[in-house]
C-alpha cells in the first residue's frame, strides 16, 4: 500500500468510478474464465505470465481499501436517490471484484509451480517423479 494520502474525489466523479469498477470486474471475470481451463494444463503458461497475473491482482486487492473508503465517504454525504443507488450497486461490484481477484490469486498460486518454465527446468528424474506422484499431470 502506498503511504501517500489519496486525493479524495467528490461525488461528481461517481460516473468515473462506476466505469472503472465495472471494467475492473469485467476484466477480472474474463481473466478467471480464461484461467479455469489452465487448471488441468498449467504447462501452457510461462512463469513470467503467472508472475504478472499475481502482481496485477495482488495490487488490485491492495487497492480495494481505497475504493471501499471512497464509497463509504460518499454514502455519508447528502446524495440524490440515484447516487445512493449507484453507490450501493458499486459496493456490490466491489465485493464481487474482491472475490474474483481472490479466486484468481488462489488459482494461479496453485499452478505457478507447474508452468512450462518450471517443467523445462526439471531433469528427467524430477519430471518422472513429479508425474508419477501426481504433482504434474501429463498432457492429454
N, C-alpha and C. Protein backbone atom coordinates (compact mmCIF):
# COMPACT_ATOMS: atom_id res chain seq x y z
N UNK A 1 0.84 -1.18 0.00
CA UNK A 1 0.00 0.00 0.00
C UNK A 1 0.88 1.24 0.00
N UNK A 2 0.49 2.20 -0.77
CA UNK A 2 1.22 3.46 -0.88
C UNK A 2 0.95 4.30 0.36
N UNK A 3 1.97 4.92 0.94
CA UNK A 3 1.81 5.72 2.14
C UNK A 3 1.31 7.13 1.85
N UNK A 4 1.21 7.48 0.58
CA UNK A 4 0.72 8.79 0.19
C UNK A 4 -0.77 8.90 0.46
N UNK A 5 -1.22 10.06 0.92
CA UNK A 5 -2.64 10.30 1.15
C UNK A 5 -3.35 10.41 -0.20
N UNK A 6 -4.43 9.65 -0.40
CA UNK A 6 -5.15 9.73 -1.68
C UNK A 6 -5.79 11.10 -1.88
N UNK A 7 -5.98 11.45 -3.12
CA UNK A 7 -6.71 12.65 -3.49
C UNK A 7 -8.18 12.24 -3.58
N UNK A 8 -8.93 12.44 -2.50
CA UNK A 8 -10.32 12.00 -2.45
C UNK A 8 -11.17 12.83 -3.41
N UNK A 9 -11.82 12.16 -4.31
CA UNK A 9 -12.62 12.82 -5.34
C UNK A 9 -14.03 13.09 -4.85
N UNK A 10 -14.67 14.15 -5.37
CA UNK A 10 -16.05 14.46 -4.98
C UNK A 10 -17.03 13.48 -5.65
N UNK A 11 -18.24 13.48 -5.16
CA UNK A 11 -19.27 12.57 -5.68
C UNK A 11 -19.56 12.86 -7.15
N UNK A 12 -19.21 14.01 -7.64
CA UNK A 12 -19.38 14.30 -9.07
C UNK A 12 -18.54 13.36 -9.94
N UNK A 13 -17.59 12.68 -9.35
CA UNK A 13 -16.75 11.72 -10.07
C UNK A 13 -17.33 10.30 -10.01
N UNK A 14 -18.54 10.17 -9.52
CA UNK A 14 -19.17 8.86 -9.36
C UNK A 14 -19.21 8.08 -10.67
N UNK A 15 -19.53 8.74 -11.76
CA UNK A 15 -19.62 8.03 -13.05
C UNK A 15 -18.26 7.47 -13.47
N UNK A 16 -17.19 8.19 -13.15
CA UNK A 16 -15.84 7.70 -13.47
C UNK A 16 -15.54 6.45 -12.65
N UNK A 17 -15.89 6.48 -11.36
CA UNK A 17 -15.68 5.33 -10.50
C UNK A 17 -16.54 4.15 -10.97
N UNK A 18 -17.74 4.45 -11.43
CA UNK A 18 -18.63 3.39 -11.94
C UNK A 18 -17.98 2.68 -13.12
N UNK A 19 -17.50 3.45 -14.07
CA UNK A 19 -16.84 2.86 -15.24
C UNK A 19 -15.61 2.06 -14.84
N UNK A 20 -14.82 2.62 -13.94
CA UNK A 20 -13.60 1.96 -13.51
C UNK A 20 -13.90 0.64 -12.82
N UNK A 21 -14.82 0.66 -11.85
CA UNK A 21 -15.14 -0.57 -11.12
C UNK A 21 -15.82 -1.60 -12.00
N UNK A 22 -16.72 -1.16 -12.87
CA UNK A 22 -17.39 -2.10 -13.77
C UNK A 22 -16.39 -2.77 -14.71
N UNK A 23 -15.48 -1.99 -15.27
CA UNK A 23 -14.50 -2.56 -16.20
C UNK A 23 -13.49 -3.45 -15.46
N UNK A 24 -13.16 -3.09 -14.23
CA UNK A 24 -12.24 -3.91 -13.44
C UNK A 24 -12.86 -5.27 -13.15
N UNK A 25 -14.14 -5.27 -12.77
CA UNK A 25 -14.83 -6.53 -12.51
C UNK A 25 -14.94 -7.35 -13.80
N UNK A 26 -15.31 -6.72 -14.88
CA UNK A 26 -15.45 -7.43 -16.15
C UNK A 26 -14.11 -8.07 -16.56
N UNK A 27 -13.03 -7.34 -16.42
CA UNK A 27 -11.71 -7.88 -16.77
C UNK A 27 -11.32 -9.04 -15.86
N UNK A 28 -11.62 -8.91 -14.58
CA UNK A 28 -11.30 -9.98 -13.64
C UNK A 28 -12.10 -11.25 -13.96
N UNK A 29 -13.37 -11.09 -14.29
CA UNK A 29 -14.20 -12.24 -14.65
C UNK A 29 -13.66 -12.89 -15.92
N UNK A 30 -13.30 -12.09 -16.90
CA UNK A 30 -12.70 -12.63 -18.13
C UNK A 30 -11.42 -13.39 -17.83
N UNK A 31 -10.58 -12.82 -16.97
CA UNK A 31 -9.32 -13.48 -16.61
C UNK A 31 -9.58 -14.81 -15.93
N UNK A 32 -10.53 -14.84 -15.02
CA UNK A 32 -10.86 -16.07 -14.30
C UNK A 32 -11.37 -17.13 -15.27
N UNK A 33 -12.22 -16.75 -16.20
CA UNK A 33 -12.74 -17.70 -17.19
C UNK A 33 -11.61 -18.23 -18.07
N UNK A 34 -10.66 -17.39 -18.39
CA UNK A 34 -9.50 -17.82 -19.17
C UNK A 34 -8.66 -18.82 -18.38
N UNK A 35 -8.56 -18.61 -17.08
CA UNK A 35 -7.68 -19.45 -16.26
C UNK A 35 -8.28 -20.80 -15.87
N UNK A 36 -9.60 -20.92 -15.80
CA UNK A 36 -10.19 -22.19 -15.37
C UNK A 36 -9.69 -23.40 -16.18
N UNK A 37 -9.66 -23.33 -17.51
CA UNK A 37 -9.15 -24.49 -18.25
C UNK A 37 -7.67 -24.78 -17.99
N UNK A 38 -6.94 -23.79 -17.55
CA UNK A 38 -5.50 -23.95 -17.32
C UNK A 38 -5.22 -24.80 -16.08
N UNK A 39 -6.20 -24.95 -15.21
CA UNK A 39 -6.01 -25.76 -14.00
C UNK A 39 -5.53 -27.16 -14.40
N UNK A 40 -6.12 -27.71 -15.45
CA UNK A 40 -5.77 -29.06 -15.90
C UNK A 40 -4.50 -29.09 -16.75
N UNK A 41 -4.05 -27.95 -17.23
CA UNK A 41 -2.85 -27.92 -18.07
C UNK A 41 -2.04 -26.65 -17.82
N UNK A 42 -1.48 -26.54 -16.61
CA UNK A 42 -0.72 -25.32 -16.27
C UNK A 42 0.53 -25.13 -17.11
N UNK A 43 0.97 -26.17 -17.78
CA UNK A 43 2.18 -26.08 -18.61
C UNK A 43 1.99 -25.16 -19.82
N UNK A 44 0.77 -24.74 -20.10
CA UNK A 44 0.57 -23.82 -21.22
C UNK A 44 0.93 -22.38 -20.85
N UNK A 45 1.16 -22.13 -19.59
CA UNK A 45 1.56 -20.79 -19.14
C UNK A 45 3.05 -20.77 -18.82
N UNK A 46 3.65 -19.63 -19.04
CA UNK A 46 5.05 -19.46 -18.65
C UNK A 46 5.11 -18.73 -17.31
N UNK A 47 6.23 -18.80 -16.66
CA UNK A 47 6.40 -18.21 -15.33
C UNK A 47 6.21 -16.70 -15.33
N UNK A 48 6.65 -16.04 -16.39
CA UNK A 48 6.51 -14.59 -16.46
C UNK A 48 5.03 -14.19 -16.47
N UNK A 49 4.22 -14.89 -17.25
CA UNK A 49 2.79 -14.59 -17.31
C UNK A 49 2.14 -14.81 -15.95
N UNK A 50 2.46 -15.91 -15.31
CA UNK A 50 1.89 -16.21 -14.00
C UNK A 50 2.32 -15.15 -12.99
N UNK A 51 3.58 -14.77 -13.02
CA UNK A 51 4.08 -13.74 -12.12
C UNK A 51 3.36 -12.42 -12.34
N UNK A 52 3.14 -12.08 -13.59
CA UNK A 52 2.44 -10.82 -13.93
C UNK A 52 1.00 -10.85 -13.44
N UNK A 53 0.33 -11.97 -13.57
CA UNK A 53 -1.05 -12.11 -13.08
C UNK A 53 -1.08 -11.94 -11.56
N UNK A 54 -0.14 -12.58 -10.88
CA UNK A 54 -0.08 -12.46 -9.42
C UNK A 54 0.16 -11.01 -9.01
N UNK A 55 1.10 -10.35 -9.68
CA UNK A 55 1.38 -8.94 -9.36
C UNK A 55 0.16 -8.07 -9.58
N UNK A 56 -0.47 -8.20 -10.73
CA UNK A 56 -1.62 -7.38 -11.08
C UNK A 56 -2.76 -7.55 -10.08
N UNK A 57 -3.13 -8.78 -9.78
CA UNK A 57 -4.28 -9.00 -8.92
C UNK A 57 -3.96 -8.81 -7.44
N UNK A 58 -2.70 -8.91 -7.08
CA UNK A 58 -2.30 -8.55 -5.71
C UNK A 58 -2.42 -7.04 -5.54
N UNK A 59 -1.99 -6.28 -6.54
CA UNK A 59 -2.12 -4.82 -6.48
C UNK A 59 -3.59 -4.41 -6.43
N UNK A 60 -4.43 -5.07 -7.22
CA UNK A 60 -5.86 -4.76 -7.17
C UNK A 60 -6.43 -5.05 -5.79
N UNK A 61 -6.04 -6.16 -5.19
CA UNK A 61 -6.52 -6.50 -3.85
C UNK A 61 -6.06 -5.46 -2.83
N UNK A 62 -4.83 -4.98 -2.98
CA UNK A 62 -4.30 -3.98 -2.06
C UNK A 62 -5.00 -2.63 -2.23
N UNK A 63 -5.53 -2.35 -3.42
CA UNK A 63 -6.23 -1.09 -3.67
C UNK A 63 -7.71 -1.13 -3.28
N UNK A 64 -8.19 -2.27 -2.90
CA UNK A 64 -9.61 -2.43 -2.54
C UNK A 64 -10.03 -1.43 -1.45
N UNK A 65 -9.17 -1.23 -0.48
CA UNK A 65 -9.50 -0.32 0.63
C UNK A 65 -9.82 1.09 0.13
N UNK A 66 -9.09 1.53 -0.90
CA UNK A 66 -9.28 2.88 -1.42
C UNK A 66 -10.70 3.05 -1.95
N UNK A 67 -11.13 2.12 -2.80
CA UNK A 67 -12.46 2.22 -3.39
C UNK A 67 -13.55 2.08 -2.33
N UNK A 68 -13.33 1.16 -1.42
CA UNK A 68 -14.32 0.97 -0.35
C UNK A 68 -14.42 2.23 0.51
N UNK A 69 -13.30 2.80 0.88
CA UNK A 69 -13.29 4.02 1.69
C UNK A 69 -13.95 5.18 0.95
N UNK A 70 -13.65 5.30 -0.35
CA UNK A 70 -14.25 6.37 -1.15
C UNK A 70 -15.77 6.22 -1.20
N UNK A 71 -16.26 5.02 -1.41
CA UNK A 71 -17.71 4.80 -1.47
C UNK A 71 -18.37 5.05 -0.11
N UNK A 72 -17.73 4.64 0.95
CA UNK A 72 -18.27 4.88 2.30
C UNK A 72 -18.32 6.37 2.60
N UNK A 73 -17.29 7.10 2.21
CA UNK A 73 -17.28 8.55 2.43
C UNK A 73 -18.41 9.22 1.65
N UNK A 74 -18.64 8.77 0.43
CA UNK A 74 -19.74 9.34 -0.35
C UNK A 74 -21.09 9.03 0.29
N UNK A 75 -21.22 7.83 0.84
CA UNK A 75 -22.50 7.47 1.47
C UNK A 75 -22.85 8.42 2.61
N UNK A 76 -21.84 8.97 3.25
CA UNK A 76 -22.06 9.89 4.39
C UNK A 76 -22.44 11.30 3.94
N UNK A 77 -22.38 11.55 2.62
CA UNK A 77 -22.72 12.87 2.10
C UNK A 77 -24.22 12.94 1.79
N UNK A 78 -24.65 14.13 1.53
CA UNK A 78 -26.03 14.34 1.09
C UNK A 78 -26.10 13.97 -0.39
N UNK A 79 -26.83 12.89 -0.70
CA UNK A 79 -26.84 12.34 -2.05
C UNK A 79 -28.25 12.32 -2.62
N UNK A 80 -28.31 12.31 -3.93
CA UNK A 80 -29.60 12.10 -4.59
C UNK A 80 -29.93 10.61 -4.50
N UNK A 81 -31.16 10.28 -4.78
CA UNK A 81 -31.58 8.87 -4.72
C UNK A 81 -30.79 8.02 -5.72
N UNK A 82 -30.58 8.56 -6.92
CA UNK A 82 -29.84 7.81 -7.93
C UNK A 82 -28.38 7.61 -7.51
N UNK A 83 -27.78 8.60 -6.85
CA UNK A 83 -26.40 8.46 -6.37
C UNK A 83 -26.33 7.40 -5.27
N UNK A 84 -27.31 7.41 -4.38
CA UNK A 84 -27.35 6.38 -3.32
C UNK A 84 -27.45 4.98 -3.92
N UNK A 85 -28.32 4.83 -4.93
CA UNK A 85 -28.48 3.53 -5.59
C UNK A 85 -27.20 3.10 -6.29
N UNK A 86 -26.56 4.04 -6.96
CA UNK A 86 -25.33 3.71 -7.68
C UNK A 86 -24.22 3.34 -6.71
N UNK A 87 -24.12 4.03 -5.60
CA UNK A 87 -23.10 3.69 -4.60
C UNK A 87 -23.37 2.31 -4.03
N UNK A 88 -24.64 1.98 -3.78
CA UNK A 88 -24.99 0.64 -3.32
C UNK A 88 -24.60 -0.42 -4.34
N UNK A 89 -24.88 -0.14 -5.61
CA UNK A 89 -24.52 -1.08 -6.67
C UNK A 89 -23.00 -1.24 -6.75
N UNK A 90 -22.29 -0.13 -6.61
CA UNK A 90 -20.82 -0.19 -6.68
C UNK A 90 -20.22 -0.95 -5.50
N UNK A 91 -20.86 -0.86 -4.34
CA UNK A 91 -20.39 -1.63 -3.18
C UNK A 91 -20.49 -3.13 -3.50
N UNK A 92 -21.58 -3.53 -4.17
CA UNK A 92 -21.75 -4.93 -4.57
C UNK A 92 -20.70 -5.30 -5.62
N UNK A 93 -20.48 -4.42 -6.59
CA UNK A 93 -19.47 -4.66 -7.63
C UNK A 93 -18.08 -4.81 -7.00
N UNK A 94 -17.81 -3.97 -6.03
CA UNK A 94 -16.51 -4.01 -5.36
C UNK A 94 -16.33 -5.34 -4.62
N UNK A 95 -17.38 -5.79 -3.98
CA UNK A 95 -17.34 -7.08 -3.28
C UNK A 95 -17.10 -8.22 -4.27
N UNK A 96 -17.78 -8.18 -5.41
CA UNK A 96 -17.60 -9.21 -6.45
C UNK A 96 -16.18 -9.15 -7.01
N UNK A 97 -15.67 -7.95 -7.19
CA UNK A 97 -14.32 -7.79 -7.71
C UNK A 97 -13.30 -8.37 -6.76
N UNK A 98 -13.46 -8.09 -5.48
CA UNK A 98 -12.54 -8.63 -4.47
C UNK A 98 -12.58 -10.15 -4.47
N UNK A 99 -13.77 -10.70 -4.50
CA UNK A 99 -13.94 -12.15 -4.51
C UNK A 99 -13.31 -12.76 -5.76
N UNK A 100 -13.52 -12.14 -6.90
CA UNK A 100 -12.96 -12.65 -8.15
C UNK A 100 -11.44 -12.57 -8.14
N UNK A 101 -10.89 -11.47 -7.66
CA UNK A 101 -9.43 -11.32 -7.55
C UNK A 101 -8.86 -12.40 -6.63
N UNK A 102 -9.53 -12.65 -5.51
CA UNK A 102 -9.08 -13.69 -4.58
C UNK A 102 -9.07 -15.06 -5.26
N UNK A 103 -10.10 -15.35 -6.05
CA UNK A 103 -10.17 -16.63 -6.78
C UNK A 103 -9.03 -16.74 -7.79
N UNK A 104 -8.78 -15.66 -8.49
CA UNK A 104 -7.69 -15.65 -9.48
C UNK A 104 -6.36 -15.93 -8.79
N UNK A 105 -6.10 -15.23 -7.70
CA UNK A 105 -4.83 -15.42 -7.00
C UNK A 105 -4.69 -16.84 -6.45
N UNK A 106 -5.76 -17.37 -5.90
CA UNK A 106 -5.71 -18.74 -5.38
C UNK A 106 -5.44 -19.73 -6.51
N UNK A 107 -6.13 -19.56 -7.63
CA UNK A 107 -5.95 -20.46 -8.76
C UNK A 107 -4.52 -20.38 -9.31
N UNK A 108 -4.05 -19.18 -9.54
CA UNK A 108 -2.72 -19.01 -10.14
C UNK A 108 -1.62 -19.51 -9.20
N UNK A 109 -1.78 -19.27 -7.92
CA UNK A 109 -0.77 -19.76 -6.98
C UNK A 109 -0.77 -21.28 -6.91
N UNK A 110 -1.91 -21.90 -7.20
CA UNK A 110 -1.97 -23.36 -7.17
C UNK A 110 -1.26 -23.99 -8.37
N UNK A 111 -1.08 -23.22 -9.44
CA UNK A 111 -0.43 -23.78 -10.64
C UNK A 111 0.93 -23.18 -10.94
N UNK A 112 1.36 -22.20 -10.16
CA UNK A 112 2.59 -21.48 -10.50
C UNK A 112 3.83 -22.36 -10.51
N UNK A 113 3.79 -23.51 -9.85
CA UNK A 113 4.97 -24.38 -9.80
C UNK A 113 4.99 -25.38 -10.95
N UNK A 114 3.98 -25.30 -11.81
CA UNK A 114 3.90 -26.25 -12.92
C UNK A 114 3.84 -25.55 -14.28
N UNK A 115 4.40 -24.36 -14.36
CA UNK A 115 4.45 -23.66 -15.65
C UNK A 115 5.44 -24.37 -16.56
N UNK A 116 5.40 -24.04 -17.83
CA UNK A 116 6.31 -24.66 -18.78
C UNK A 116 7.76 -24.41 -18.39
N UNK A 117 8.05 -23.24 -17.86
CA UNK A 117 9.43 -22.93 -17.44
C UNK A 117 9.89 -23.85 -16.31
N UNK A 118 9.00 -24.07 -15.35
CA UNK A 118 9.35 -24.93 -14.21
C UNK A 118 9.54 -26.38 -14.67
N UNK A 119 8.68 -26.83 -15.58
CA UNK A 119 8.78 -28.20 -16.08
C UNK A 119 10.06 -28.37 -16.90
N UNK A 120 10.36 -27.40 -17.76
CA UNK A 120 11.56 -27.50 -18.59
C UNK A 120 12.85 -27.44 -17.76
N UNK A 121 12.78 -26.85 -16.58
CA UNK A 121 13.96 -26.75 -15.72
C UNK A 121 14.23 -28.05 -14.96
N UNK A 122 13.26 -28.97 -14.96
CA UNK A 122 13.44 -30.24 -14.25
C UNK A 122 14.33 -31.17 -15.08
N UNK A 123 15.10 -31.96 -14.35
CA UNK A 123 15.83 -33.00 -15.07
C UNK A 123 14.86 -34.17 -15.27
N UNK A 124 15.27 -35.18 -16.01
CA UNK A 124 14.37 -36.29 -16.35
C UNK A 124 13.82 -37.01 -15.12
N UNK A 125 14.66 -37.23 -14.14
CA UNK A 125 14.23 -37.94 -12.94
C UNK A 125 13.20 -37.11 -12.16
N UNK A 126 13.45 -35.83 -12.00
CA UNK A 126 12.50 -34.96 -11.31
C UNK A 126 11.15 -34.94 -12.04
N UNK A 127 11.20 -34.91 -13.35
CA UNK A 127 9.98 -34.88 -14.14
C UNK A 127 9.20 -36.18 -13.98
N UNK A 128 9.88 -37.30 -14.07
CA UNK A 128 9.21 -38.60 -13.90
C UNK A 128 8.61 -38.70 -12.50
N UNK A 129 9.35 -38.30 -11.48
CA UNK A 129 8.84 -38.34 -10.11
C UNK A 129 7.61 -37.45 -9.96
N UNK A 130 7.65 -36.27 -10.55
CA UNK A 130 6.52 -35.34 -10.45
C UNK A 130 5.28 -35.91 -11.14
N UNK A 131 5.46 -36.54 -12.28
CA UNK A 131 4.32 -37.14 -12.99
C UNK A 131 3.79 -38.34 -12.22
N UNK A 132 4.68 -39.23 -11.78
CA UNK A 132 4.25 -40.44 -11.06
C UNK A 132 3.58 -40.12 -9.73
N UNK A 133 4.04 -39.06 -9.08
CA UNK A 133 3.44 -38.69 -7.79
C UNK A 133 2.12 -37.93 -7.96
N UNK A 134 1.83 -37.53 -9.19
CA UNK A 134 0.59 -36.78 -9.45
C UNK A 134 0.76 -35.28 -9.29
N UNK A 135 1.95 -34.85 -8.96
CA UNK A 135 2.21 -33.42 -8.81
C UNK A 135 2.03 -32.71 -10.13
N UNK A 136 2.41 -33.37 -11.20
CA UNK A 136 2.22 -32.85 -12.55
C UNK A 136 1.39 -33.87 -13.31
N UNK A 137 0.35 -33.39 -13.96
CA UNK A 137 -0.47 -34.27 -14.79
C UNK A 137 0.10 -34.25 -16.20
N UNK A 138 0.26 -35.43 -16.79
CA UNK A 138 0.78 -35.44 -18.16
C UNK A 138 -0.24 -34.80 -19.12
N UNK A 139 0.26 -34.18 -20.17
CA UNK A 139 -0.67 -33.56 -21.12
C UNK A 139 -1.52 -34.63 -21.80
N UNK A 140 -2.72 -34.20 -22.16
CA UNK A 140 -3.64 -35.16 -22.83
C UNK A 140 -3.66 -34.91 -24.30
